């Protein structure tokens, strides 16, 4: 996976409503989180491919969901952990951040399930 995922292309092209945006957004993120947890993607790769400024702004302006915005904020900060902390501590915090992101995604999916 070398090319950036543009949320604007993925979500708007589907022509769905905000509720479907959120569910699809959460599912995409769960896949990324799993890839990060298993070492398929590095934190830097994830920011380059998905948690970039363009997607963060799209979520803030068009998805307009506080939980989705929190997920993006966590994702953007992942590489910083490895620059700011010793290796062992960074890895522990990385796992903690992934867990928080996973919980937020599941919260979105649970909310959408209750609405449907």
C-alpha atoms as a PDB file:
ATOM      1  CA  UNK A   1       0.000   0.000   0.000  1.00  0.00           C
ATOM      2  CA  UNK A   2       1.855   3.020  -1.260  1.00  0.00           C
ATOM      3  CA  UNK A   3      -0.782   5.551  -2.192  1.00  0.00           C
ATOM      4  CA  UNK A   4      -2.554   7.806   0.286  1.00  0.00           C
ATOM      5  CA  UNK A   5      -6.171   6.995   1.068  1.00  0.00           C
ATOM      6  CA  UNK A   6      -8.215  10.135   0.517  1.00  0.00           C
ATOM      7  CA  UNK A   7     -11.285   9.995   2.716  1.00  0.00           C
ATOM      8  CA  UNK A   8     -12.965  12.605   0.563  1.00  0.00           C
ATOM      9  CA  UNK A   9     -12.797  10.230  -2.418  1.00  0.00           C
ATOM     10  CA  UNK A  10     -13.828   7.160  -0.457  1.00  0.00           C
ATOM     11  CA  UNK A  11     -16.728   8.630   1.483  1.00  0.00           C
ATOM     12  CA  UNK A  12     -18.166  11.266  -0.836  1.00  0.00           C
ATOM     13  CA  UNK A  13     -17.928   8.986  -3.870  1.00  0.00           C
ATOM     14  CA  UNK A  14     -20.198   6.530  -2.101  1.00  0.00           C
ATOM     15  CA  UNK A  15     -22.868   9.229  -1.777  1.00  0.00           C
ATOM     16  CA  UNK A  16     -23.919   8.062   1.645  1.00  0.00           C
ATOM     17  CA  UNK A  17     -25.324   9.930   4.581  1.00  0.00           C
ATOM     18  CA  UNK A  18     -23.390  10.871   7.691  1.00  0.00           C
ATOM     19  CA  UNK A  19     -24.343   7.651   9.518  1.00  0.00           C
ATOM     20  CA  UNK A  20     -22.857   5.509   6.750  1.00  0.00           C
ATOM     21  CA  UNK A  21     -19.782   7.775   6.657  1.00  0.00           C
ATOM     22  CA  UNK A  22     -19.182   7.033  10.306  1.00  0.00           C
ATOM     23  CA  UNK A  23     -19.606   3.280  10.023  1.00  0.00           C
ATOM     24  CA  UNK A  24     -17.311   3.067   6.992  1.00  0.00           C
ATOM     25  CA  UNK A  25     -14.819   5.401   8.675  1.00  0.00           C
ATOM     26  CA  UNK A  26     -14.759   3.169  11.771  1.00  0.00           C
ATOM     27  CA  UNK A  27     -14.297  -0.002   9.727  1.00  0.00           C
ATOM     28  CA  UNK A  28     -11.419   1.506   7.737  1.00  0.00           C
ATOM     29  CA  UNK A  29      -9.774   2.562  10.981  1.00  0.00           C
ATOM     30  CA  UNK A  30     -10.187  -0.875  12.554  1.00  0.00           C
ATOM     31  CA  UNK A  31      -8.317  -2.344   9.584  1.00  0.00           C
ATOM     32  CA  UNK A  32      -5.537   0.199   9.964  1.00  0.00           C
ATOM     33  CA  UNK A  33      -5.327  -0.406  13.718  1.00  0.00           C
ATOM     34  CA  UNK A  34      -5.048  -4.146  13.136  1.00  0.00           C
ATOM     35  CA  UNK A  35      -2.293  -3.552  10.566  1.00  0.00           C
ATOM     36  CA  UNK A  36      -0.450  -1.317  13.025  1.00  0.00           C
ATOM     37  CA  UNK A  37      -0.836  -3.788  15.885  1.00  0.00           C
ATOM     38  CA  UNK A  38       0.542  -6.625  13.739  1.00  0.00           C
ATOM     39  CA  UNK A  39       3.461  -4.615  12.382  1.00  0.00           C
ATOM     40  CA  UNK A  40       2.190  -4.590   8.793  1.00  0.00           C
ATOM     41  CA  UNK A  41       2.185  -0.774   8.908  1.00  0.00           C
ATOM     42  CA  UNK A  42       4.502   1.466  10.871  1.00  0.00           C
ATOM     43  CA  UNK A  43       3.185   4.545  12.649  1.00  0.00           C
ATOM     44  CA  UNK A  44       4.895   6.729  10.040  1.00  0.00           C
ATOM     45  CA  UNK A  45       3.318   4.729   7.210  1.00  0.00           C
ATOM     46  CA  UNK A  46      -0.108   5.134   8.802  1.00  0.00           C
ATOM     47  CA  UNK A  47       0.273   8.909   8.964  1.00  0.00           C
ATOM     48  CA  UNK A  48       1.558   9.093   5.417  1.00  0.00           C
ATOM     49  CA  UNK A  49      -1.233   6.869   4.080  1.00  0.00           C
ATOM     50  CA  UNK A  50      -4.237   7.843   6.186  1.00  0.00           C
ATOM     51  CA  UNK A  51      -3.784  10.008   9.294  1.00  0.00           C
ATOM     52  CA  UNK A  52      -2.588  12.955   7.216  1.00  0.00           C
ATOM     53  CA  UNK A  53      -3.662  16.589   7.472  1.00  0.00           C
ATOM     54  CA  UNK A  54      -5.947  16.323   4.433  1.00  0.00           C
ATOM     55  CA  UNK A  55      -7.961  13.484   5.983  1.00  0.00           C
ATOM     56  CA  UNK A  56      -7.983  15.119   9.408  1.00  0.00           C
ATOM     57  CA  UNK A  57      -9.481  18.263   7.911  1.00  0.00           C
ATOM     58  CA  UNK A  58     -12.018  16.243   5.941  1.00  0.00           C
ATOM     59  CA  UNK A  59     -13.165  14.481   9.110  1.00  0.00           C
ATOM     60  CA  UNK A  60     -13.407  17.757  10.982  1.00  0.00           C
ATOM     61  CA  UNK A  61     -15.354  19.546   8.210  1.00  0.00           C
ATOM     62  CA  UNK A  62     -17.472  16.826   6.629  1.00  0.00           C
ATOM     63  CA  UNK A  63     -17.821  13.913   9.021  1.00  0.00           C
ATOM     64  CA  UNK A  64     -18.290  16.309  11.947  1.00  0.00           C
ATOM     65  CA  UNK A  65     -18.214  13.708  14.677  1.00  0.00           C
ATOM     66  CA  UNK A  66     -16.238  14.264  17.857  1.00  0.00           C
ATOM     67  CA  UNK A  67     -15.322  10.591  18.213  1.00  0.00           C
ATOM     68  CA  UNK A  68     -14.079  10.395  14.610  1.00  0.00           C
ATOM     69  CA  UNK A  69     -12.019  13.524  15.209  1.00  0.00           C
ATOM     70  CA  UNK A  70     -10.514  11.914  18.339  1.00  0.00           C
ATOM     71  CA  UNK A  71      -9.523   8.828  16.341  1.00  0.00           C
ATOM     72  CA  UNK A  72      -7.729  10.985  13.784  1.00  0.00           C
ATOM     73  CA  UNK A  73      -5.974  12.931  16.557  1.00  0.00           C
ATOM     74  CA  UNK A  74      -4.686   9.707  18.107  1.00  0.00           C
ATOM     75  CA  UNK A  75      -3.525   8.460  14.703  1.00  0.00           C
ATOM     76  CA  UNK A  76      -1.615  11.619  13.844  1.00  0.00           C
ATOM     77  CA  UNK A  77       0.365  11.407  17.063  1.00  0.00           C
ATOM     78  CA  UNK A  78       1.510   7.781  16.767  1.00  0.00           C
ATOM     79  CA  UNK A  79       4.949   8.457  15.205  1.00  0.00           C
ATOM     80  CA  UNK A  80       5.688  11.095  17.841  1.00  0.00           C
ATOM     81  CA  UNK A  81       5.695   8.405  20.522  1.00  0.00           C
ATOM     82  CA  UNK A  82       8.789   6.824  19.005  1.00  0.00           C
ATOM     83  CA  UNK A  83      10.566  10.149  18.776  1.00  0.00           C
ATOM     84  CA  UNK A  84       9.743  11.352  22.280  1.00  0.00           C
ATOM     85  CA  UNK A  85       9.971   8.210  24.412  1.00  0.00           C
ATOM     86  CA  UNK A  86      12.471   5.422  25.049  1.00  0.00           C
ATOM     87  CA  UNK A  87      11.752   2.330  22.925  1.00  0.00           C
ATOM     88  CA  UNK A  88      10.033   0.159  25.543  1.00  0.00           C
ATOM     89  CA  UNK A  89       7.901   2.995  26.839  1.00  0.00           C
ATOM     90  CA  UNK A  90       7.030   4.080  23.300  1.00  0.00           C
ATOM     91  CA  UNK A  91       5.896   0.572  22.410  1.00  0.00           C
ATOM     92  CA  UNK A  92       3.688   0.360  25.538  1.00  0.00           C
ATOM     93  CA  UNK A  93       2.169   3.762  24.811  1.00  0.00           C
ATOM     94  CA  UNK A  94       1.713   2.802  21.150  1.00  0.00           C
ATOM     95  CA  UNK A  95      -0.311  -0.258  22.196  1.00  0.00           C
ATOM     96  CA  UNK A  96      -2.306   1.906  24.604  1.00  0.00           C
ATOM     97  CA  UNK A  97      -3.098   4.406  21.819  1.00  0.00           C
ATOM     98  CA  UNK A  98      -4.166   1.626  19.461  1.00  0.00           C
ATOM     99  CA  UNK A  99      -6.446   0.266  22.168  1.00  0.00           C
ATOM    100  CA  UNK A 100      -7.989   3.708  22.676  1.00  0.00           C
ATOM    101  CA  UNK A 101      -8.501   4.103  18.927  1.00  0.00           C
ATOM    102  CA  UNK A 102     -10.066   0.640  18.704  1.00  0.00           C
ATOM    103  CA  UNK A 103     -12.469   1.485  21.529  1.00  0.00           C
ATOM    104  CA  UNK A 104     -13.490   4.719  19.820  1.00  0.00           C
ATOM    105  CA  UNK A 105     -14.158   2.855  16.548  1.00  0.00           C
ATOM    106  CA  UNK A 106     -16.293   0.297  18.363  1.00  0.00           C
ATOM    107  CA  UNK A 107     -18.154   3.120  20.071  1.00  0.00           C
ATOM    108  CA  UNK A 108     -19.021   4.577  16.649  1.00  0.00           C
ATOM    109  CA  UNK A 109     -20.183   1.196  15.355  1.00  0.00           C
ATOM    110  CA  UNK A 110     -22.228   0.520  18.481  1.00  0.00           C
ATOM    111  CA  UNK A 111     -23.900   3.939  18.247  1.00  0.00           C
ATOM    112  CA  UNK A 112     -24.689   3.375  14.575  1.00  0.00           C
ATOM    113  CA  UNK A 113     -26.093  -0.079  15.356  1.00  0.00           C
ATOM    114  CA  UNK A 114     -28.423   1.390  17.990  1.00  0.00           C
ATOM    115  CA  UNK A 115     -29.609   4.106  15.601  1.00  0.00           C
ATOM    116  CA  UNK A 116     -30.361   1.564  12.857  1.00  0.00           C
END
